[in-house]
Amino acid sequence: MPRFLTLVRVDERNAPEQGPSPEMMQRMGELLEEITKAGVMLDTAGLTPTSEATRVTWADGKISYTDGPFTETKEVIGGYSIVQAKDKAEAIEWTRRFLQVHDDYWTVTCEVREIAEHTA
């Protein structure tokens, strides 16, 4: 079965100060338990803010480092999941359900991409 990476994109500058509600966290926990029991979820996590990040860039034959936060970036990757689904439609359905557990005051975008499997 194919694996899919879901990148969870958020706008750090406009993230809700109050964070997730207890009800949202309960809904999230229930969904994560369901997707794990279904054998679909392989890994998931949230990421620390970009203020704690470093970008490493290779350009013109040289390495450069840029410490966050990255003010020129509106949306950043706030988390990810790796799922194993029968097809992209199933991966998108789980993603839709993930987005719907968020409270209405959140703005979250998910990018679902199939992981290219390399054969030796």
N, C-alpha and C. Protein backbone atom coordinates (compact mmCIF):
# COMPACT_ATOMS: atom_id res chain seq x y z
N MET A 1 0.84 -1.19 0.00
CA MET A 1 0.00 0.00 0.00
C MET A 1 0.88 1.24 0.00
N PRO A 2 0.46 2.27 -0.73
CA PRO A 2 1.25 3.50 -0.79
C PRO A 2 1.23 4.26 0.54
N ARG A 3 2.29 5.01 0.74
CA ARG A 3 2.38 5.88 1.92
C ARG A 3 2.25 7.32 1.46
N PHE A 4 1.68 8.15 2.33
CA PHE A 4 1.45 9.55 2.03
C PHE A 4 1.95 10.41 3.17
N LEU A 5 2.56 11.53 2.80
CA LEU A 5 3.00 12.53 3.76
C LEU A 5 1.99 13.67 3.72
N THR A 6 1.48 14.02 4.87
CA THR A 6 0.60 15.18 4.98
C THR A 6 1.36 16.27 5.71
N LEU A 7 1.53 17.41 5.05
CA LEU A 7 2.18 18.57 5.65
C LEU A 7 1.08 19.50 6.16
N VAL A 8 1.12 19.80 7.44
CA VAL A 8 0.11 20.66 8.05
C VAL A 8 0.66 22.07 8.06
N ARG A 9 0.03 22.94 7.30
CA ARG A 9 0.51 24.33 7.16
C ARG A 9 -0.35 25.27 7.99
N VAL A 10 0.34 26.15 8.74
CA VAL A 10 -0.33 27.15 9.56
C VAL A 10 0.34 28.50 9.35
N ASP A 11 -0.37 29.56 9.67
CA ASP A 11 0.20 30.90 9.66
C ASP A 11 0.56 31.22 11.10
N GLU A 12 1.85 31.14 11.43
CA GLU A 12 2.28 31.36 12.81
C GLU A 12 1.91 32.76 13.31
N ARG A 13 1.89 33.73 12.42
CA ARG A 13 1.60 35.10 12.85
C ARG A 13 0.14 35.28 13.25
N ASN A 14 -0.74 34.44 12.73
CA ASN A 14 -2.16 34.56 13.03
C ASN A 14 -2.72 33.34 13.75
N ALA A 15 -1.85 32.55 14.35
CA ALA A 15 -2.32 31.37 15.09
C ALA A 15 -3.10 31.84 16.32
N PRO A 16 -4.17 31.15 16.66
CA PRO A 16 -4.96 31.55 17.82
C PRO A 16 -4.12 31.55 19.10
N GLU A 17 -4.14 32.68 19.82
CA GLU A 17 -3.36 32.79 21.05
C GLU A 17 -3.75 31.74 22.08
N GLN A 18 -5.04 31.46 22.15
CA GLN A 18 -5.52 30.52 23.16
C GLN A 18 -5.18 29.07 22.83
N GLY A 19 -4.71 28.84 21.60
CA GLY A 19 -4.36 27.47 21.21
C GLY A 19 -5.61 26.62 21.08
N PRO A 20 -5.42 25.32 21.01
CA PRO A 20 -6.56 24.43 20.86
C PRO A 20 -7.40 24.34 22.14
N SER A 21 -8.70 24.25 21.96
CA SER A 21 -9.59 24.09 23.11
C SER A 21 -9.49 22.66 23.64
N PRO A 22 -9.88 22.46 24.89
CA PRO A 22 -9.91 21.09 25.43
C PRO A 22 -10.79 20.16 24.60
N GLU A 23 -11.89 20.70 24.07
CA GLU A 23 -12.79 19.89 23.24
C GLU A 23 -12.11 19.48 21.95
N MET A 24 -11.36 20.40 21.36
CA MET A 24 -10.62 20.07 20.14
C MET A 24 -9.58 18.99 20.42
N MET A 25 -8.88 19.14 21.53
CA MET A 25 -7.85 18.14 21.87
C MET A 25 -8.49 16.76 22.09
N GLN A 26 -9.68 16.73 22.66
CA GLN A 26 -10.38 15.46 22.83
C GLN A 26 -10.76 14.86 21.48
N ARG A 27 -11.31 15.70 20.59
CA ARG A 27 -11.67 15.22 19.25
C ARG A 27 -10.43 14.71 18.51
N MET A 28 -9.33 15.45 18.64
CA MET A 28 -8.07 15.05 17.98
C MET A 28 -7.60 13.70 18.51
N GLY A 29 -7.62 13.55 19.83
CA GLY A 29 -7.21 12.28 20.43
C GLY A 29 -8.05 11.11 19.94
N GLU A 30 -9.36 11.32 19.85
CA GLU A 30 -10.26 10.26 19.38
C GLU A 30 -9.96 9.90 17.92
N LEU A 31 -9.72 10.91 17.09
CA LEU A 31 -9.41 10.64 15.68
C LEU A 31 -8.07 9.91 15.56
N LEU A 32 -7.06 10.36 16.30
CA LEU A 32 -5.75 9.69 16.23
C LEU A 32 -5.85 8.24 16.71
N GLU A 33 -6.66 7.99 17.72
CA GLU A 33 -6.85 6.61 18.18
C GLU A 33 -7.52 5.78 17.08
N GLU A 34 -8.53 6.34 16.42
CA GLU A 34 -9.25 5.62 15.36
C GLU A 34 -8.33 5.32 14.18
N ILE A 35 -7.57 6.31 13.72
CA ILE A 35 -6.71 6.11 12.54
C ILE A 35 -5.56 5.15 12.87
N THR A 36 -5.11 5.15 14.12
CA THR A 36 -4.05 4.22 14.53
C THR A 36 -4.59 2.79 14.58
N LYS A 37 -5.77 2.64 15.18
CA LYS A 37 -6.39 1.30 15.25
C LYS A 37 -6.70 0.75 13.87
N ALA A 38 -6.98 1.64 12.92
CA ALA A 38 -7.28 1.22 11.55
C ALA A 38 -6.02 0.79 10.80
N GLY A 39 -4.85 1.00 11.42
CA GLY A 39 -3.59 0.60 10.79
C GLY A 39 -3.12 1.57 9.73
N VAL A 40 -3.67 2.78 9.71
CA VAL A 40 -3.34 3.75 8.68
C VAL A 40 -2.19 4.67 9.13
N MET A 41 -2.25 5.13 10.39
CA MET A 41 -1.25 6.09 10.88
C MET A 41 0.08 5.39 11.14
N LEU A 42 1.14 5.92 10.52
CA LEU A 42 2.48 5.41 10.76
C LEU A 42 3.27 6.32 11.69
N ASP A 43 3.07 7.65 11.55
CA ASP A 43 3.77 8.60 12.40
C ASP A 43 3.09 9.96 12.27
N THR A 44 3.12 10.74 13.34
CA THR A 44 2.58 12.10 13.30
C THR A 44 3.20 12.90 14.42
N ALA A 45 3.33 14.20 14.21
CA ALA A 45 3.84 15.09 15.26
C ALA A 45 3.62 16.53 14.86
N GLY A 46 3.57 17.38 15.86
CA GLY A 46 3.61 18.82 15.64
C GLY A 46 5.06 19.25 15.67
N LEU A 47 5.34 20.43 15.14
CA LEU A 47 6.70 20.94 15.10
C LEU A 47 6.82 22.20 15.95
N THR A 48 8.02 22.46 16.45
CA THR A 48 8.26 23.67 17.22
C THR A 48 8.16 24.88 16.29
N PRO A 49 7.98 26.07 16.85
CA PRO A 49 7.86 27.27 16.02
C PRO A 49 9.12 27.55 15.21
N THR A 50 8.97 28.31 14.13
CA THR A 50 10.12 28.63 13.30
C THR A 50 11.14 29.49 14.03
N SER A 51 10.74 30.11 15.12
CA SER A 51 11.71 30.89 15.91
C SER A 51 12.81 29.99 16.47
N GLU A 52 12.56 28.68 16.50
CA GLU A 52 13.54 27.72 16.99
C GLU A 52 14.20 26.94 15.85
N ALA A 53 13.93 27.33 14.62
CA ALA A 53 14.40 26.58 13.46
C ALA A 53 15.64 27.20 12.83
N THR A 54 16.34 26.41 12.04
CA THR A 54 17.45 26.88 11.22
C THR A 54 17.28 26.32 9.82
N ARG A 55 17.37 27.19 8.83
CA ARG A 55 17.35 26.74 7.44
C ARG A 55 18.79 26.58 6.97
N VAL A 56 19.06 25.48 6.32
CA VAL A 56 20.37 25.20 5.76
C VAL A 56 20.20 25.18 4.24
N THR A 57 20.94 26.05 3.56
CA THR A 57 20.76 26.24 2.12
C THR A 57 22.06 25.95 1.38
N TRP A 58 21.96 25.26 0.25
CA TRP A 58 23.08 25.03 -0.66
C TRP A 58 22.81 25.87 -1.90
N ALA A 59 23.67 26.85 -2.17
CA ALA A 59 23.52 27.69 -3.35
C ALA A 59 24.89 28.15 -3.81
N ASP A 60 25.11 28.12 -5.10
CA ASP A 60 26.37 28.57 -5.69
C ASP A 60 27.57 27.86 -5.07
N GLY A 61 27.40 26.58 -4.76
CA GLY A 61 28.51 25.79 -4.23
C GLY A 61 28.86 26.08 -2.79
N LYS A 62 27.97 26.76 -2.06
CA LYS A 62 28.25 27.10 -0.66
C LYS A 62 27.05 26.78 0.21
N ILE A 63 27.33 26.50 1.48
CA ILE A 63 26.31 26.27 2.49
C ILE A 63 26.09 27.57 3.25
N SER A 64 24.83 27.89 3.52
CA SER A 64 24.52 29.02 4.39
C SER A 64 23.46 28.58 5.39
N TYR A 65 23.42 29.29 6.51
CA TYR A 65 22.50 28.99 7.60
C TYR A 65 21.70 30.24 7.93
N THR A 66 20.40 30.07 8.12
CA THR A 66 19.54 31.17 8.52
C THR A 66 18.71 30.72 9.71
N ASP A 67 18.86 31.42 10.83
CA ASP A 67 18.06 31.10 12.01
C ASP A 67 16.70 31.77 11.91
N GLY A 68 15.68 31.07 12.42
CA GLY A 68 14.33 31.61 12.43
C GLY A 68 14.17 32.66 13.51
N PRO A 69 13.03 33.33 13.55
CA PRO A 69 11.87 33.08 12.69
C PRO A 69 12.07 33.62 11.28
N PHE A 70 11.30 33.11 10.36
CA PHE A 70 11.42 33.47 8.96
C PHE A 70 10.28 34.41 8.60
N THR A 71 10.50 35.69 8.77
CA THR A 71 9.43 36.69 8.63
C THR A 71 8.86 36.77 7.23
N GLU A 72 9.63 36.38 6.22
CA GLU A 72 9.13 36.46 4.85
C GLU A 72 8.15 35.33 4.53
N THR A 73 8.02 34.37 5.42
CA THR A 73 7.16 33.22 5.18
C THR A 73 5.83 33.41 5.88
N LYS A 74 4.75 33.32 5.13
CA LYS A 74 3.43 33.44 5.75
C LYS A 74 3.01 32.10 6.34
N GLU A 75 2.94 31.07 5.51
CA GLU A 75 2.55 29.75 5.99
C GLU A 75 3.80 28.93 6.27
N VAL A 76 3.78 28.20 7.38
CA VAL A 76 4.89 27.32 7.72
C VAL A 76 4.33 25.93 8.01
N ILE A 77 5.20 24.94 7.99
CA ILE A 77 4.78 23.58 8.33
C ILE A 77 4.75 23.48 9.84
N GLY A 78 3.56 23.27 10.38
CA GLY A 78 3.38 23.18 11.82
C GLY A 78 3.33 21.76 12.32
N GLY A 79 3.24 20.79 11.41
CA GLY A 79 3.19 19.39 11.80
C GLY A 79 3.12 18.53 10.56
N TYR A 80 3.08 17.23 10.78
CA TYR A 80 3.05 16.29 9.66
C TYR A 80 2.42 14.98 10.11
N SER A 81 2.05 14.18 9.15
CA SER A 81 1.69 12.79 9.41
C SER A 81 2.16 11.95 8.24
N ILE A 82 2.44 10.71 8.52
CA ILE A 82 2.73 9.72 7.48
C ILE A 82 1.70 8.62 7.66
N VAL A 83 0.92 8.41 6.60
CA VAL A 83 -0.11 7.38 6.64
C VAL A 83 0.11 6.38 5.52
N GLN A 84 -0.40 5.19 5.75
CA GLN A 84 -0.38 4.15 4.71
C GLN A 84 -1.84 3.88 4.37
N ALA A 85 -2.22 4.25 3.16
CA ALA A 85 -3.62 4.15 2.74
C ALA A 85 -3.70 3.38 1.43
N LYS A 86 -4.91 2.89 1.13
CA LYS A 86 -5.07 2.12 -0.11
C LYS A 86 -4.87 2.98 -1.34
N ASP A 87 -5.18 4.30 -1.22
CA ASP A 87 -4.99 5.22 -2.34
C ASP A 87 -5.04 6.65 -1.83
N LYS A 88 -4.83 7.59 -2.74
CA LYS A 88 -4.81 9.00 -2.36
C LYS A 88 -6.16 9.46 -1.83
N ALA A 89 -7.23 8.94 -2.38
CA ALA A 89 -8.57 9.32 -1.92
C ALA A 89 -8.75 9.00 -0.44
N GLU A 90 -8.26 7.84 -0.01
CA GLU A 90 -8.38 7.49 1.41
C GLU A 90 -7.52 8.42 2.27
N ALA A 91 -6.31 8.72 1.81
CA ALA A 91 -5.44 9.64 2.55
C ALA A 91 -6.09 11.02 2.67
N ILE A 92 -6.73 11.48 1.61
CA ILE A 92 -7.40 12.77 1.64
C ILE A 92 -8.60 12.74 2.58
N GLU A 93 -9.31 11.63 2.61
CA GLU A 93 -10.46 11.51 3.52
C GLU A 93 -10.02 11.63 4.99
N TRP A 94 -8.93 10.95 5.35
CA TRP A 94 -8.42 11.08 6.73
C TRP A 94 -7.98 12.51 7.00
N THR A 95 -7.40 13.15 6.00
CA THR A 95 -6.97 14.55 6.15
C THR A 95 -8.18 15.46 6.36
N ARG A 96 -9.24 15.25 5.60
CA ARG A 96 -10.47 16.02 5.78
C ARG A 96 -10.98 15.89 7.21
N ARG A 97 -10.99 14.68 7.72
CA ARG A 97 -11.46 14.45 9.08
C ARG A 97 -10.55 15.13 10.10
N PHE A 98 -9.24 15.12 9.85
CA PHE A 98 -8.29 15.81 10.73
C PHE A 98 -8.61 17.30 10.77
N LEU A 99 -8.81 17.91 9.60
CA LEU A 99 -9.09 19.34 9.55
C LEU A 99 -10.40 19.68 10.27
N GLN A 100 -11.39 18.82 10.16
CA GLN A 100 -12.69 19.11 10.75
C GLN A 100 -12.73 19.01 12.26
N VAL A 101 -11.72 18.43 12.90
CA VAL A 101 -11.71 18.42 14.36
C VAL A 101 -11.27 19.77 14.92
N HIS A 102 -10.70 20.63 14.08
CA HIS A 102 -10.24 21.95 14.53
C HIS A 102 -11.42 22.86 14.84
N ASP A 103 -11.23 23.71 15.84
CA ASP A 103 -12.24 24.72 16.15
C ASP A 103 -12.35 25.69 14.97
N ASP A 104 -13.50 26.35 14.84
CA ASP A 104 -13.77 27.22 13.70
C ASP A 104 -12.79 28.38 13.57
N TYR A 105 -12.17 28.80 14.66
CA TYR A 105 -11.27 29.96 14.60
C TYR A 105 -9.88 29.61 14.07
N TRP A 106 -9.61 28.36 13.77
CA TRP A 106 -8.32 27.95 13.19
C TRP A 106 -8.37 28.08 11.68
N THR A 107 -7.22 28.39 11.09
CA THR A 107 -7.04 28.30 9.65
C THR A 107 -5.86 27.36 9.42
N VAL A 108 -6.13 26.21 8.86
CA VAL A 108 -5.13 25.16 8.67
C VAL A 108 -5.27 24.62 7.25
N THR A 109 -4.15 24.42 6.58
CA THR A 109 -4.14 23.83 5.25
C THR A 109 -3.25 22.60 5.29
N CYS A 110 -3.69 21.53 4.67
CA CYS A 110 -2.89 20.32 4.60
C CYS A 110 -2.55 20.00 3.14
N GLU A 111 -1.32 19.63 2.94
CA GLU A 111 -0.86 19.19 1.62
C GLU A 111 -0.59 17.70 1.72
N VAL A 112 -1.27 16.92 0.89
CA VAL A 112 -1.14 15.45 0.89
C VAL A 112 -0.33 15.05 -0.33
N ARG A 113 0.78 14.35 -0.06
CA ARG A 113 1.66 13.94 -1.17
C ARG A 113 2.05 12.48 -0.98
N GLU A 114 2.01 11.73 -2.07
CA GLU A 114 2.44 10.34 -2.02
C GLU A 114 3.95 10.29 -1.90
N ILE A 115 4.43 9.38 -1.08
CA ILE A 115 5.88 9.19 -0.90
C ILE A 115 6.37 8.30 -2.04
N ALA A 116 7.34 8.79 -2.77
CA ALA A 116 7.92 8.02 -3.89
C ALA A 116 8.73 6.88 -3.31
N GLU A 117 8.34 5.67 -3.63
CA GLU A 117 9.04 4.49 -3.15
C GLU A 117 10.16 4.15 -4.13
N HIS A 118 11.34 4.02 -3.61
CA HIS A 118 12.49 3.67 -4.46
C HIS A 118 12.78 2.18 -4.33
N THR A 119 13.02 1.57 -5.47
CA THR A 119 13.39 0.16 -5.45
C THR A 119 14.89 0.05 -5.71
N ALA A 120 15.48 -0.90 -5.04
CA ALA A 120 16.95 -1.07 -5.17
C ALA A 120 17.31 -1.82 -6.43
